[in-house]
Amino acid sequence: MSKVKNTIYGFLRGSFLVNENSFRNWRFILFVVVLMLVMIGSSHSSDKKVMQIAKLNKEIKELRTEFVDTRSIAMRMKLESTIKKNVENMGLIPSETPPQVIKVVSNKVN
């Protein structure tokens, strides 16, 4: 049990970093630190992309509602009653007589 206590005590004091074969320990620690930095960087990058995707989805929804609103306004503007109302302000009125169909018969042979 004394060996376990000494090992734990030595670990807590940091003697594994200063003893004669500590180079191997330092290499491993630096490797772990580099991996942690890469992990943190990729986490921030993915969070940034997720936030950008959410922003773009919100913008898509807003543009879609604007499109639907504009399309409904255009459909209302195409209605005959709306056109009649706008043309009456210019002094034009609808025709009293309905349009007639003109048929052209050609006997010309080439």
PDB file of N, CA and C in Angstrom:
ATOM      1  N   MET A   1       0.815  -1.189   0.000  1.00  0.00           N
ATOM      2  CA  MET A   1       0.000   0.000   0.000  1.00  0.00           C
ATOM      3  C   MET A   1       0.860   1.256   0.000  1.00  0.00           C
ATOM      4  N   SER A   2       2.035   1.126   0.546  1.00  0.00           N
ATOM      5  CA  SER A   2       2.950   2.247   0.615  1.00  0.00           C
ATOM      6  C   SER A   2       3.391   2.682  -0.781  1.00  0.00           C
ATOM      7  N   LYS A   3       3.565   1.709  -1.674  1.00  0.00           N
ATOM      8  CA  LYS A   3       3.984   2.026  -3.044  1.00  0.00           C
ATOM      9  C   LYS A   3       2.883   2.807  -3.761  1.00  0.00           C
ATOM     10  N   VAL A   4       1.609   2.449  -3.551  1.00  0.00           N
ATOM     11  CA  VAL A   4       0.481   3.144  -4.169  1.00  0.00           C
ATOM     12  C   VAL A   4       0.417   4.575  -3.645  1.00  0.00           C
ATOM     13  N   LYS A   5       0.607   4.748  -2.339  1.00  0.00           N
ATOM     14  CA  LYS A   5       0.592   6.082  -1.755  1.00  0.00           C
ATOM     15  C   LYS A   5       1.719   6.934  -2.329  1.00  0.00           C
ATOM     16  N   ASN A   6       2.887   6.353  -2.449  1.00  0.00           N
ATOM     17  CA  ASN A   6       4.027   7.087  -2.999  1.00  0.00           C
ATOM     18  C   ASN A   6       3.783   7.463  -4.462  1.00  0.00           C
ATOM     19  N   THR A   7       3.187   6.554  -5.201  1.00  0.00           N
ATOM     20  CA  THR A   7       2.897   6.829  -6.610  1.00  0.00           C
ATOM     21  C   THR A   7       1.899   7.969  -6.745  1.00  0.00           C
ATOM     22  N   ILE A   8       0.832   7.933  -5.971  1.00  0.00           N
ATOM     23  CA  ILE A   8      -0.188   8.992  -6.019  1.00  0.00           C
ATOM     24  C   ILE A   8       0.412  10.314  -5.555  1.00  0.00           C
ATOM     25  N   TYR A   9       1.187  10.262  -4.478  1.00  0.00           N
ATOM     26  CA  TYR A   9       1.813  11.464  -3.958  1.00  0.00           C
ATOM     27  C   TYR A   9       2.797  12.041  -4.978  1.00  0.00           C
ATOM     28  N   GLY A  10       3.547  11.189  -5.629  1.00  0.00           N
ATOM     29  CA  GLY A  10       4.490  11.639  -6.656  1.00  0.00           C
ATOM     30  C   GLY A  10       3.768  12.231  -7.851  1.00  0.00           C
ATOM     31  N   PHE A  11       2.651  11.660  -8.214  1.00  0.00           N
ATOM     32  CA  PHE A  11       1.863  12.188  -9.330  1.00  0.00           C
ATOM     33  C   PHE A  11       1.312  13.571  -8.997  1.00  0.00           C
ATOM     34  N   LEU A  12       0.773  13.715  -7.766  1.00  0.00           N
ATOM     35  CA  LEU A  12       0.216  15.002  -7.355  1.00  0.00           C
ATOM     36  C   LEU A  12       1.288  16.081  -7.232  1.00  0.00           C
ATOM     37  N   ARG A  13       2.482  15.696  -6.848  1.00  0.00           N
ATOM     38  CA  ARG A  13       3.590  16.659  -6.749  1.00  0.00           C
ATOM     39  C   ARG A  13       4.153  17.003  -8.121  1.00  0.00           C
ATOM     40  N   GLY A  14       3.902  16.179  -9.118  1.00  0.00           N
ATOM     41  CA  GLY A  14       4.394  16.437 -10.457  1.00  0.00           C
ATOM     42  C   GLY A  14       5.788  15.895 -10.695  1.00  0.00           C
ATOM     43  N   SER A  15       6.190  14.928  -9.932  1.00  0.00           N
ATOM     44  CA  SER A  15       7.551  14.386 -10.089  1.00  0.00           C
ATOM     45  C   SER A  15       7.701  13.646 -11.413  1.00  0.00           C
ATOM     46  N   PHE A  16       6.599  13.231 -12.020  1.00  0.00           N
ATOM     47  CA  PHE A  16       6.683  12.544 -13.311  1.00  0.00           C
ATOM     48  C   PHE A  16       7.101  13.508 -14.426  1.00  0.00           C
ATOM     49  N   LEU A  17       7.046  14.802 -14.152  1.00  0.00           N
ATOM     50  CA  LEU A  17       7.450  15.787 -15.148  1.00  0.00           C
ATOM     51  C   LEU A  17       8.917  16.204 -15.036  1.00  0.00           C
ATOM     52  N   VAL A  18       9.538  15.887 -13.921  1.00  0.00           N
ATOM     53  CA  VAL A  18      10.914  16.357 -13.714  1.00  0.00           C
ATOM     54  C   VAL A  18      11.916  15.227 -13.534  1.00  0.00           C
ATOM     55  N   ASN A  19      11.479  13.992 -13.512  1.00  0.00           N
ATOM     56  CA  ASN A  19      12.443  12.908 -13.324  1.00  0.00           C
ATOM     57  C   ASN A  19      13.212  12.642 -14.610  1.00  0.00           C
ATOM     58  N   GLU A  20      14.122  11.667 -14.601  1.00  0.00           N
ATOM     59  CA  GLU A  20      15.055  11.469 -15.714  1.00  0.00           C
ATOM     60  C   GLU A  20      14.385  11.019 -17.017  1.00  0.00           C
ATOM     61  N   ASN A  21      13.284  10.299 -17.006  1.00  0.00           N
ATOM     62  CA  ASN A  21      12.630   9.879 -18.255  1.00  0.00           C
ATOM     63  C   ASN A  21      11.319  10.650 -18.481  1.00  0.00           C
ATOM     64  N   SER A  22      11.359  11.924 -18.139  1.00  0.00           N
ATOM     65  CA  SER A  22      10.148  12.748 -18.268  1.00  0.00           C
ATOM     66  C   SER A  22       9.914  13.228 -19.700  1.00  0.00           C
ATOM     67  N   PHE A  23      10.906  13.106 -20.580  1.00  0.00           N
ATOM     68  CA  PHE A  23      10.730  13.548 -21.972  1.00  0.00           C
ATOM     69  C   PHE A  23       9.563  12.827 -22.625  1.00  0.00           C
ATOM     70  N   ARG A  24       9.446  11.533 -22.349  1.00  0.00           N
ATOM     71  CA  ARG A  24       8.339  10.752 -22.906  1.00  0.00           C
ATOM     72  C   ARG A  24       7.003  11.282 -22.388  1.00  0.00           C
ATOM     73  N   ASN A  25       6.941  11.650 -21.118  1.00  0.00           N
ATOM     74  CA  ASN A  25       5.710  12.193 -20.533  1.00  0.00           C
ATOM     75  C   ASN A  25       5.360  13.551 -21.144  1.00  0.00           C
ATOM     76  N   TRP A  26       6.372  14.402 -21.346  1.00  0.00           N
ATOM     77  CA  TRP A  26       6.132  15.709 -21.928  1.00  0.00           C
ATOM     78  C   TRP A  26       5.624  15.601 -23.359  1.00  0.00           C
ATOM     79  N   ARG A  27       6.180  14.660 -24.122  1.00  0.00           N
ATOM     80  CA  ARG A  27       5.688  14.465 -25.487  1.00  0.00           C
ATOM     81  C   ARG A  27       4.221  14.089 -25.482  1.00  0.00           C
ATOM     82  N   PHE A  28       3.831  13.185 -24.593  1.00  0.00           N
ATOM     83  CA  PHE A  28       2.435  12.761 -24.513  1.00  0.00           C
ATOM     84  C   PHE A  28       1.537  13.928 -24.084  1.00  0.00           C
ATOM     85  N   ILE A  29       1.997  14.705 -23.114  1.00  0.00           N
ATOM     86  CA  ILE A  29       1.205  15.851 -22.639  1.00  0.00           C
ATOM     87  C   ILE A  29       1.027  16.869 -23.761  1.00  0.00           C
ATOM     88  N   LEU A  30       2.094  17.159 -24.490  1.00  0.00           N
ATOM     89  CA  LEU A  30       1.980  18.095 -25.614  1.00  0.00           C
ATOM     90  C   LEU A  30       1.050  17.555 -26.700  1.00  0.00           C
ATOM     91  N   PHE A  31       1.096  16.262 -26.956  1.00  0.00           N
ATOM     92  CA  PHE A  31       0.204  15.638 -27.925  1.00  0.00           C
ATOM     93  C   PHE A  31      -1.252  15.795 -27.496  1.00  0.00           C
ATOM     94  N   VAL A  32      -1.514  15.559 -26.227  1.00  0.00           N
ATOM     95  CA  VAL A  32      -2.888  15.693 -25.713  1.00  0.00           C
ATOM     96  C   VAL A  32      -3.343  17.149 -25.787  1.00  0.00           C
ATOM     97  N   VAL A  33      -2.439  18.095 -25.483  1.00  0.00           N
ATOM     98  CA  VAL A  33      -2.800  19.517 -25.549  1.00  0.00           C
ATOM     99  C   VAL A  33      -3.121  19.913 -26.987  1.00  0.00           C
ATOM    100  N   VAL A  34      -2.329  19.449 -27.946  1.00  0.00           N
ATOM    101  CA  VAL A  34      -2.602  19.755 -29.355  1.00  0.00           C
ATOM    102  C   VAL A  34      -3.944  19.165 -29.777  1.00  0.00           C
ATOM    103  N   LEU A  35      -4.223  17.946 -29.368  1.00  0.00           N
ATOM    104  CA  LEU A  35      -5.525  17.340 -29.705  1.00  0.00           C
ATOM    105  C   LEU A  35      -6.674  18.136 -29.098  1.00  0.00           C
ATOM    106  N   MET A  36      -6.491  18.608 -27.875  1.00  0.00           N
ATOM    107  CA  MET A  36      -7.546  19.391 -27.228  1.00  0.00           C
ATOM    108  C   MET A  36      -7.762  20.719 -27.967  1.00  0.00           C
ATOM    109  N   LEU A  37      -6.681  21.352 -28.404  1.00  0.00           N
ATOM    110  CA  LEU A  37      -6.818  22.605 -29.147  1.00  0.00           C
ATOM    111  C   LEU A  37      -7.527  22.386 -30.483  1.00  0.00           C
ATOM    112  N   VAL A  38      -7.206  21.298 -31.162  1.00  0.00           N
ATOM    113  CA  VAL A  38      -7.882  20.975 -32.420  1.00  0.00           C
ATOM    114  C   VAL A  38      -9.366  20.712 -32.171  1.00  0.00           C
ATOM    115  N   MET A  39      -9.662  20.009 -31.103  1.00  0.00           N
ATOM    116  CA  MET A  39     -11.053  19.714 -30.772  1.00  0.00           C
ATOM    117  C   MET A  39     -11.822  20.996 -30.456  1.00  0.00           C
ATOM    118  N   ILE A  40     -11.223  21.894 -29.696  1.00  0.00           N
ATOM    119  CA  ILE A  40     -11.878  23.160 -29.367  1.00  0.00           C
ATOM    120  C   ILE A  40     -12.098  23.989 -30.634  1.00  0.00           C
ATOM    121  N   GLY A  41     -11.099  24.027 -31.498  1.00  0.00           N
ATOM    122  CA  GLY A  41     -11.232  24.779 -32.745  1.00  0.00           C
ATOM    123  C   GLY A  41     -12.329  24.227 -33.633  1.00  0.00           C
ATOM    124  N   SER A  42     -12.389  22.915 -33.757  1.00  0.00           N
ATOM    125  CA  SER A  42     -13.436  22.325 -34.600  1.00  0.00           C
ATOM    126  C   SER A  42     -14.810  22.518 -33.979  1.00  0.00           C
ATOM    127  N   SER A  43     -14.883  22.513 -32.663  1.00  0.00           N
ATOM    128  CA  SER A  43     -16.160  22.759 -31.989  1.00  0.00           C
ATOM    129  C   SER A  43     -16.648  24.182 -32.260  1.00  0.00           C
ATOM    130  N   HIS A  44     -15.748  25.148 -32.159  1.00  0.00           N
ATOM    131  CA  HIS A  44     -16.133  26.535 -32.446  1.00  0.00           C
ATOM    132  C   HIS A  44     -16.536  26.694 -33.912  1.00  0.00           C
ATOM    133  N   SER A  45     -15.820  26.046 -34.791  1.00  0.00           N
ATOM    134  CA  SER A  45     -16.148  26.124 -36.215  1.00  0.00           C
ATOM    135  C   SER A  45     -17.527  25.539 -36.495  1.00  0.00           C
ATOM    136  N   SER A  46     -17.815  24.392 -35.895  1.00  0.00           N
ATOM    137  CA  SER A  46     -19.128  23.777 -36.124  1.00  0.00           C
ATOM    138  C   SER A  46     -20.243  24.614 -35.509  1.00  0.00           C
ATOM    139  N   ASP A  47     -19.998  25.207 -34.332  1.00  0.00           N
ATOM    140  CA  ASP A  47     -21.005  26.081 -33.735  1.00  0.00           C
ATOM    141  C   ASP A  47     -21.280  27.293 -34.619  1.00  0.00           C
ATOM    142  N   LYS A  48     -20.215  27.850 -35.193  1.00  0.00           N
ATOM    143  CA  LYS A  48     -20.368  28.997 -36.074  1.00  0.00           C
ATOM    144  C   LYS A  48     -21.197  28.624 -37.301  1.00  0.00           C
ATOM    145  N   LYS A  49     -20.949  27.441 -37.857  1.00  0.00           N
ATOM    146  CA  LYS A  49     -21.703  27.000 -39.028  1.00  0.00           C
ATOM    147  C   LYS A  49     -23.162  26.736 -38.683  1.00  0.00           C
ATOM    148  N   VAL A  50     -23.417  26.176 -37.508  1.00  0.00           N
ATOM    149  CA  VAL A  50     -24.797  25.923 -37.088  1.00  0.00           C
ATOM    150  C   VAL A  50     -25.549  27.243 -36.932  1.00  0.00           C
ATOM    151  N   MET A  51     -24.889  28.235 -36.364  1.00  0.00           N
ATOM    152  CA  MET A  51     -25.534  29.538 -36.203  1.00  0.00           C
ATOM    153  C   MET A  51     -25.787  30.185 -37.566  1.00  0.00           C
ATOM    154  N   GLN A  52     -24.867  30.016 -38.493  1.00  0.00           N
ATOM    155  CA  GLN A  52     -25.052  30.564 -39.834  1.00  0.00           C
ATOM    156  C   GLN A  52     -26.207  29.865 -40.548  1.00  0.00           C
ATOM    157  N   ILE A  53     -26.323  28.558 -40.372  1.00  0.00           N
ATOM    158  CA  ILE A  53     -27.431  27.808 -40.980  1.00  0.00           C
ATOM    159  C   ILE A  53     -28.758  28.283 -40.409  1.00  0.00           C
ATOM    160  N   ALA A  54     -28.816  28.498 -39.100  1.00  0.00           N
ATOM    161  CA  ALA A  54     -30.055  28.977 -38.480  1.00  0.00           C
ATOM    162  C   ALA A  54     -30.427  30.360 -39.013  1.00  0.00           C
ATOM    163  N   LYS A  55     -29.421  31.221 -39.178  1.00  0.00           N
ATOM    164  CA  LYS A  55     -29.675  32.560 -39.712  1.00  0.00           C
ATOM    165  C   LYS A  55     -30.199  32.481 -41.137  1.00  0.00           C
ATOM    166  N   LEU A  56     -29.593  31.614 -41.956  1.00  0.00           N
ATOM    167  CA  LEU A  56     -30.032  31.474 -43.344  1.00  0.00           C
ATOM    168  C   LEU A  56     -31.434  30.875 -43.430  1.00  0.00           C
ATOM    169  N   ASN A  57     -31.756  29.928 -42.542  1.00  0.00           N
ATOM    170  CA  ASN A  57     -33.114  29.363 -42.529  1.00  0.00           C
ATOM    171  C   ASN A  57     -34.143  30.434 -42.182  1.00  0.00           C
ATOM    172  N   LYS A  58     -33.794  31.294 -41.235  1.00  0.00           N
ATOM    173  CA  LYS A  58     -34.709  32.380 -40.868  1.00  0.00           C
ATOM    174  C   LYS A  58     -34.895  33.327 -42.048  1.00  0.00           C
ATOM    175  N   GLU A  59     -33.810  33.637 -42.741  1.00  0.00           N
ATOM    176  CA  GLU A  59     -33.892  34.514 -43.900  1.00  0.00           C
ATOM    177  C   GLU A  59     -34.719  33.879 -45.020  1.00  0.00           C
ATOM    178  N   ILE A  60     -34.588  32.570 -45.198  1.00  0.00           N
ATOM    179  CA  ILE A  60     -35.381  31.860 -46.210  1.00  0.00           C
ATOM    180  C   ILE A  60     -36.867  31.968 -45.887  1.00  0.00           C
ATOM    181  N   LYS A  61     -37.219  31.787 -44.605  1.00  0.00           N
ATOM    182  CA  LYS A  61     -38.623  31.889 -44.215  1.00  0.00           C
ATOM    183  C   LYS A  61     -39.161  33.290 -44.483  1.00  0.00           C
ATOM    184  N   GLU A  62     -38.360  34.315 -44.157  1.00  0.00           N
ATOM    185  CA  GLU A  62     -38.801  35.685 -44.387  1.00  0.00           C
ATOM    186  C   GLU A  62     -38.979  35.961 -45.881  1.00  0.00           C
ATOM    187  N   LEU A  63     -38.039  35.496 -46.690  1.00  0.00           N
ATOM    188  CA  LEU A  63     -38.145  35.715 -48.132  1.00  0.00           C
ATOM    189  C   LEU A  63     -39.317  34.947 -48.725  1.00  0.00           C
ATOM    190  N   ARG A  64     -39.592  33.754 -48.202  1.00  0.00           N
ATOM    191  CA  ARG A  64     -40.727  32.978 -48.698  1.00  0.00           C
ATOM    192  C   ARG A  64     -42.044  33.690 -48.387  1.00  0.00           C
ATOM    193  N   THR A  65     -42.177  34.245 -47.180  1.00  0.00           N
ATOM    194  CA  THR A  65     -43.405  34.963 -46.846  1.00  0.00           C
ATOM    195  C   THR A  65     -43.532  36.232 -47.687  1.00  0.00           C
ATOM    196  N   GLU A  66     -42.410  36.907 -47.940  1.00  0.00           N
ATOM    197  CA  GLU A  66     -42.450  38.089 -48.798  1.00  0.00           C
ATOM    198  C   GLU A  66     -42.865  37.707 -50.218  1.00  0.00           C
ATOM    199  N   PHE A  67     -42.374  36.571 -50.710  1.00  0.00           N
ATOM    200  CA  PHE A  67     -42.751  36.098 -52.044  1.00  0.00           C
ATOM    201  C   PHE A  67     -44.240  35.803 -52.119  1.00  0.00           C
ATOM    202  N   VAL A  68     -44.770  35.114 -51.117  1.00  0.00           N
ATOM    203  CA  VAL A  68     -46.190  34.774 -51.119  1.00  0.00           C
ATOM    204  C   VAL A  68     -47.033  36.040 -51.059  1.00  0.00           C
ATOM    205  N   ASP A  69     -46.629  36.996 -50.254  1.00  0.00           N
ATOM    206  CA  ASP A  69     -47.364  38.254 -50.145  1.00  0.00           C
ATOM    207  C   ASP A  69     -47.345  39.002 -51.476  1.00  0.00           C
ATOM    208  N   THR A  70     -46.182  39.076 -52.099  1.00  0.00           N
ATOM    209  CA  THR A  70     -46.066  39.764 -53.384  1.00  0.00           C
ATOM    210  C   THR A  70     -46.873  39.063 -54.461  1.00  0.00           C
ATOM    211  N   ARG A  71     -46.858  37.738 -54.454  1.00  0.00           N
ATOM    212  CA  ARG A  71     -47.631  36.986 -55.444  1.00  0.00           C
ATOM    213  C   ARG A  71     -49.126  37.226 -55.261  1.00  0.00           C
ATOM    214  N   SER A  72     -49.603  37.283 -54.011  1.00  0.00           N
ATOM    215  CA  SER A  72     -51.033  37.516 -53.789  1.00  0.00           C
ATOM    216  C   SER A  72     -51.424  38.933 -54.230  1.00  0.00           C
ATOM    217  N   ILE A  73     -50.531  39.910 -54.010  1.00  0.00           N
ATOM    218  CA  ILE A  73     -50.809  41.272 -54.475  1.00  0.00           C
ATOM    219  C   ILE A  73     -50.885  41.296 -55.997  1.00  0.00           C
ATOM    220  N   ALA A  74     -49.954  40.598 -56.658  1.00  0.00           N
ATOM    221  CA  ALA A  74     -49.962  40.547 -58.127  1.00  0.00           C
ATOM    222  C   ALA A  74     -51.228  39.865 -58.644  1.00  0.00           C
ATOM    223  N   MET A  75     -51.670  38.817 -57.979  1.00  0.00           N
ATOM    224  CA  MET A  75     -52.896  38.135 -58.409  1.00  0.00           C
ATOM    225  C   MET A  75     -54.106  39.055 -58.260  1.00  0.00           C
ATOM    226  N   ARG A  76     -54.146  39.841 -57.177  1.00  0.00           N
ATOM    227  CA  ARG A  76     -55.257  40.780 -57.004  1.00  0.00           C
ATOM    228  C   ARG A  76     -55.217  41.878 -58.061  1.00  0.00           C
ATOM    229  N   MET A  77     -54.015  42.284 -58.455  1.00  0.00           N
ATOM    230  CA  MET A  77     -53.894  43.335 -59.470  1.00  0.00           C
ATOM    231  C   MET A  77     -54.330  42.836 -60.839  1.00  0.00           C
ATOM    232  N   LYS A  78     -54.267  41.535 -61.091  1.00  0.00           N
ATOM    233  CA  LYS A  78     -54.672  40.970 -62.382  1.00  0.00           C
ATOM    234  C   LYS A  78     -56.182  40.785 -62.504  1.00  0.00           C
ATOM    235  N   LEU A  79     -56.899  40.870 -61.405  1.00  0.00           N
ATOM    236  CA  LEU A  79     -58.344  40.658 -61.450  1.00  0.00           C
ATOM    237  C   LEU A  79     -59.021  41.724 -62.303  1.00  0.00           C
ATOM    238  N   GLU A  80     -60.072  41.313 -63.004  1.00  0.00           N
ATOM    239  CA  GLU A  80     -60.780  42.225 -63.907  1.00  0.00           C
ATOM    240  C   GLU A  80     -61.379  43.394 -63.139  1.00  0.00           C
ATOM    241  N   SER A  81     -61.910  43.146 -61.965  1.00  0.00           N
ATOM    242  CA  SER A  81     -62.529  44.232 -61.192  1.00  0.00           C
ATOM    243  C   SER A  81     -61.482  45.275 -60.780  1.00  0.00           C
ATOM    244  N   THR A  82     -60.287  44.850 -60.442  1.00  0.00           N
ATOM    245  CA  THR A  82     -59.230  45.795 -60.071  1.00  0.00           C
ATOM    246  C   THR A  82     -58.793  46.609 -61.282  1.00  0.00           C
ATOM    247  N   ILE A  83     -58.694  45.949 -62.413  1.00  0.00           N
ATOM    248  CA  ILE A  83     -58.292  46.650 -63.635  1.00  0.00           C
ATOM    249  C   ILE A  83     -59.360  47.672 -64.024  1.00  0.00           C
ATOM    250  N   LYS A  84     -60.646  47.301 -63.930  1.00  0.00           N
ATOM    251  CA  LYS A  84     -61.734  48.235 -64.249  1.00  0.00           C
ATOM    252  C   LYS A  84     -61.669  49.456 -63.339  1.00  0.00           C
ATOM    253  N   LYS A  85     -61.429  49.229 -62.054  1.00  0.00           N
ATOM    254  CA  LYS A  85     -61.377  50.330 -61.100  1.00  0.00           C
ATOM    255  C   LYS A  85     -60.213  51.271 -61.413  1.00  0.00           C
ATOM    256  N   ASN A  86     -59.073  50.732 -61.784  1.00  0.00           N
ATOM    257  CA  ASN A  86     -57.909  51.562 -62.097  1.00  0.00           C
ATOM    258  C   ASN A  86     -58.074  52.302 -63.415  1.00  0.00           C
ATOM    259  N   VAL A  87     -58.756  51.691 -64.381  1.00  0.00           N
ATOM    260  CA  VAL A  87     -58.928  52.303 -65.695  1.00  0.00           C
ATOM    261  C   VAL A  87     -60.002  53.385 -65.646  1.00  0.00           C
ATOM    262  N   GLU A  88     -60.990  53.262 -64.763  1.00  0.00           N
ATOM    263  CA  GLU A  88     -62.040  54.277 -64.646  1.00  0.00           C
ATOM    264  C   GLU A  88     -61.441  55.617 -64.211  1.00  0.00           C
ATOM    265  N   ASN A  89     -60.380  55.586 -63.437  1.00  0.00           N
ATOM    266  CA  ASN A  89     -59.727  56.834 -63.023  1.00  0.00           C
ATOM    267  C   ASN A  89     -59.124  57.560 -64.222  1.00  0.00           C
ATOM    268  N   MET A  90     -58.772  56.815 -65.262  1.00  0.00           N
ATOM    269  CA  MET A  90     -58.212  57.420 -66.473  1.00  0.00           C
ATOM    270  C   MET A  90     -59.302  57.865 -67.444  1.00  0.00           C
ATOM    271  N   GLY A  91     -60.536  57.542 -67.167  1.00  0.00           N
ATOM    272  CA  GLY A  91     -61.642  57.949 -68.029  1.00  0.00           C
ATOM    273  C   GLY A  91     -62.062  56.879 -69.019  1.00  0.00           C
ATOM    274  N   LEU A  92     -61.519  55.698 -68.940  1.00  0.00           N
ATOM    275  CA  LEU A  92     -61.914  54.612 -69.845  1.00  0.00           C
ATOM    276  C   LEU A  92     -63.044  53.826 -69.204  1.00  0.00           C
ATOM    277  N   ILE A  93     -63.991  53.390 -70.055  1.00  0.00           N
ATOM    278  CA  ILE A  93     -65.109  52.589 -69.561  1.00  0.00           C
ATOM    279  C   ILE A  93     -65.185  51.312 -70.376  1.00  0.00           C
ATOM    280  N   PRO A  94     -65.788  50.265 -69.826  1.00  0.00           N
ATOM    281  CA  PRO A  94     -65.905  49.024 -70.593  1.00  0.00           C
ATOM    282  C   PRO A  94     -66.851  49.193 -71.780  1.00  0.00           C
ATOM    283  N   SER A  95     -66.655  48.422 -72.817  1.00  0.00           N
ATOM    284  CA  SER A  95     -67.456  48.491 -74.033  1.00  0.00           C
ATOM    285  C   SER A  95     -68.852  47.962 -73.760  1.00  0.00           C
ATOM    286  N   GLU A  96     -69.839  48.610 -74.409  1.00  0.00           N
ATOM    287  CA  GLU A  96     -71.231  48.170 -74.268  1.00  0.00           C
ATOM    288  C   GLU A  96     -71.517  46.962 -75.154  1.00  0.00           C
ATOM    289  N   THR A  97     -70.850  46.893 -76.302  1.00  0.00           N
ATOM    290  CA  THR A  97     -71.082  45.787 -77.232  1.00  0.00           C
ATOM    291  C   THR A  97     -69.957  44.767 -77.076  1.00  0.00           C
ATOM    292  N   PRO A  98     -70.315  43.514 -77.126  1.00  0.00           N
ATOM    293  CA  PRO A  98     -69.288  42.489 -76.971  1.00  0.00           C
ATOM    294  C   PRO A  98     -68.390  42.422 -78.203  1.00  0.00           C
ATOM    295  N   PRO A  99     -67.202  41.921 -78.094  1.00  0.00           N
ATOM    296  CA  PRO A  99     -66.308  41.820 -79.261  1.00  0.00           C
ATOM    297  C   PRO A  99     -66.854  40.816 -80.267  1.00  0.00           C
ATOM    298  N   GLN A 100     -66.539  41.045 -81.541  1.00  0.00           N
ATOM    299  CA  GLN A 100     -66.984  40.146 -82.604  1.00  0.00           C
ATOM    300  C   GLN A 100     -65.786  39.385 -83.138  1.00  0.00           C
ATOM    301  N   VAL A 101     -66.035  38.168 -83.548  1.00  0.00           N
ATOM    302  CA  VAL A 101     -64.978  37.332 -84.091  1.00  0.00           C
ATOM    303  C   VAL A 101     -64.912  37.563 -85.591  1.00  0.00           C
ATOM    304  N   ILE A 102     -63.735  37.819 -86.079  1.00  0.00           N
ATOM    305  CA  ILE A 102     -63.534  38.033 -87.511  1.00  0.00           C
ATOM    306  C   ILE A 102     -62.868  36.788 -88.055  1.00  0.00           C
ATOM    307  N   LYS A 103     -63.501  36.185 -89.070  1.00  0.00           N
ATOM    308  CA  LYS A 103     -62.942  34.997 -89.703  1.00  0.00           C
ATOM    309  C   LYS A 103     -62.400  35.381 -91.061  1.00  0.00           C
ATOM    310  N   VAL A 104     -61.205  34.974 -91.354  1.00  0.00           N
ATOM    311  CA  VAL A 104     -60.582  35.253 -92.629  1.00  0.00           C
ATOM    312  C   VAL A 104     -60.486  33.944 -93.379  1.00  0.00           C
ATOM    313  N   VAL A 105     -61.080  33.901 -94.581  1.00  0.00           N
ATOM    314  CA  VAL A 105     -61.048  32.701 -95.405  1.00  0.00           C
ATOM    315  C   VAL A 105     -60.139  33.008 -96.581  1.00  0.00           C
ATOM    316  N   SER A 106     -59.152  32.194 -96.758  1.00  0.00           N
ATOM    317  CA  SER A 106     -58.201  32.424 -97.842  1.00  0.00           C
ATOM    318  C   SER A 106     -58.338  31.288 -98.844  1.00  0.00           C
ATOM    319  N   ASN A 107     -58.567  31.638-100.121  1.00  0.00           N
ATOM    320  CA  ASN A 107     -58.674  30.658-101.208  1.00  0.00           C
ATOM    321  C   ASN A 107     -57.392  30.572-101.993  1.00  0.00           C
ATOM    322  N   LYS A 108     -56.417  31.204-101.553  1.00  0.00           N
ATOM    323  CA  LYS A 108     -55.155  31.280-102.247  1.00  0.00           C
ATOM    324  C   LYS A 108     -54.424  29.942-102.097  1.00  0.00           C
ATOM    325  N   VAL A 109     -53.988  29.363-103.233  1.00  0.00           N
ATOM    326  CA  VAL A 109     -53.249  28.093-103.218  1.00  0.00           C
ATOM    327  C   VAL A 109     -51.832  28.399-103.709  1.00  0.00           C
ATOM    328  N   ASN A 110     -50.882  27.905-103.030  1.00  0.00           N
ATOM    329  CA  ASN A 110     -49.486  28.149-103.410  1.00  0.00           C
ATOM    330  C   ASN A 110     -48.972  27.085-104.316  1.00  0.00           C
TER     331      ASN A 110
END
